[in-house]
Amino acid sequence: MATATASRLAVPAPRLSPLAPGRRRPAGFFSAPTRQRALSADSRGRVVCPAAPASAPASTADAGQDRLQKVPISNIRNFSIIAHIDHGKSTLADKLLELTGTVQKREMKEQFLDNMDLERERGITIKLQAARMRYIMNNEPYCLNLIDTPGHVDFSYEVSRSLAACEGALLVVDASQGVEAQTLANVYLALENDLEIIPVLNKIDLPGAEPDRVAQEIEEIIGMDCSNAIRCSAKEGIGITEILDAIVTKIPPPQDTAKSPLRALIFDSYYDPYRGVIVYFRVVDGSIKKGDKICFMASGKEYAADEIGVLSPNQMQVNELYAGEVGYLSASIRSVADARVGDTITHSSKRAECALPGYSEATPMVFCGLFPIDADQFEELREALEKLQLNDAALKFEPESSSAMGFGFRCGFLGLLHMEIVQERLEREYNLSLIITAPSVVYRVNLADGETVECSNPSLLPEPGKRRSIEEPYVKIEMLTPKEYIGPIMELGQERRGEFKEMNFITENRASVVYELPLAEMVGDFFDQLKSRSKGYASMEYSIIGYRESNLVKLDIQINGDPVEALSTIVHRDKAYSVGRALTQKLKELIPRQMFRVPIQACIGAKVIASEALSAIRKDVLSKCYGGDISRKKKLLKKQAEGKKRMKAIGRVDVPQEAFMAVLKLEKEVL
């Protein structure tokens, strides 16, 4: 029973009911007084179980209950799981937690580490998650710190941050799908961080699995020796023990720098409404104890560490963490700006000489405007974005105003899925109702005086007379596809103003097609089209390669002669007519008719390229004439025409909110 009463997460005190008469008490079951004595309450009124004796557990499952016990630094392993989306990372993480006894079987559920509703609904990992496990090998206890990472290209910043906190990585490849685009991107990230990579072939239980072919693919494409690649099925539990043994034997331990001044790297954080900012960190040098006075080196702020602990996978309090360990910290930090991702934690009294390198800033690729439907929610939106930025370091935002939609924020994202996830999180977690403008990219404008300015909002584009040229960002995109879909995918690349670079056959049936194309052409429905034309088999990975000069123009929408800045867009001259025609036709359907004729025009500068008109609501002024001379009718019609002319000169057309939302949706489709 010693192992059953080991230290575990603080939980509410159980409700103890008296044993019914005539029933025998189960073996090892505490009586109510005995159990109350065995449990002690912490400062928050939560119950904490006392630590078990330091005897070696009999099995791996029992070892999971003793995971708070300290081990030598040489027995610590920090590793991450990386893979393409839907190759089984989260399922493998679930099995590792279950086999090591970190999570009891009765508490187990699919995607255990994915704790957001969004992650469960979509079946994808959005946030990195950490978990501490204890594993026994050759009667020697080991502490394994796992960081599960997302697989989608839009969340690659999460992957890079988690890899910086590790010494090794499990590269999971689907034995039926083979090497895909994000597999390569994640391998390169791991190699940049000089990590030990262990190849794992997952889903070998599937009827279509071809582990030998996939192992050969990995050797040919990545150049990694796969003769000893572990073949497993995370769903069936095959090969999990071999993976744990490989983690212990192949991944190096962290360096023993426990005697040095404290330096800990913040790799994630979030805002708790009751405890303030909660920081996740990896201790690189030195050690940290509960109650220590700490300093964040970038912001210079000092706090007392009220609570420190480990993530296993829930938060479990400990008294000390030393070099090589991963944990969390609560210090009643109320300002979200005081503890940023990438900052270094050190002691206030014995400060480290220099901060850790941290992370390179994430560069937003896609921009859009976020506006609250209710103008009174502007401050709430600001606070929500600040708190969300703490949890999602790749999110960037700045205030902006629009004549049509009022005050809001211009936000930068790593991709379209990232934008969609942020919008849903703001609406769900912070109860906000939002309008999102069409996604756009950052353009570089070369002015006539030799200066260069960046512009992400069409309304801020300098006048045509002041600018010499406009440059747009280009991406290098690599698409991996079965050979039968090469034609449709090359057709898609040509339609999006792409430049064909090369095509290589990776294997007999799979090819890599490389294009260079404008980022603006990719932020729409490119990924959806890629999946549609390849019946879901193709995958893609892209990277920014710089800016190139293009024949871009600003397309303005004028309603009754007045420009509507909120509907302006920057488009390529070749696509301007089709976009302008689509916008004017949609506005004609949505704007209510007026008492006078309303022209709706799409313009490039002073030149109108597409036009529609709302006809006037006309009163029948001739209804009272039952005959008589024609001059009487002409006089009434002339009087009506003069009134309409005067009304048009002073009249104002109000574009309804529904029209803006519908047109913004249309812009996403046609751009």
Foldseek 3Di string as FASTA:
>chain_A
DLLVLAWDAFAADDDDDQDDPPDDDDPPDDDPVRVVVQWDADPVRTTTGYHGPPDQDPAQLSQLSNQVDDDPLQQEFEEEEAEAWPLQLLLLVLLLCDRNNLDDPVRGDGSVQQPDPVCVVVVWRQAKAWAWGWGADPSGIHIYIYIYATRDQQRVLRLLLSLLLGQAYEQEGEQQQADAASSVVSVVSNVVSVHHYAYEHEDCVDPRGDNVVRQVLCCLPVVDHCPPHFYYYSVVSGRSVVVVVCSRPPGGGADAQQVDFWKKAFSAWAQDPVQGIKTKIATAHHKDFQQFWKAFVVQRDIFGFNFKAAPNVNGGTDGMDTHRDIIMTTGSHHDLVRDAHQIIMGGPVDGDPDHDPGDDQADFFKKKWKAFQDNVCAVVQVVLQSRVCRRVVNKDWDWDAFPQRGITIIIGGNAQVRVVVSVVCCCPVSVTHIFIFAMFGKKWWQFPVRDIDIDGALLPDDDPNGTDFIKAWKKKKKKKAFPVLPVVLVVLQVVQVKDWDDKAASDPGMIITIIIGTSRSVRFCSVVSVCVSRVNSMDMHMDIDGIDTAQKFKKWKDKLNHTRRSLIDIDHPVLQLVLFQVLQVLQLVQFDAAQAKMKIFIDGVPHTRHIDIRHHDDDDPCPVPPDDDVVVVVVSVVVSVVVRVVCSVPPDGRRDPVSSSVSSVVVSVRD
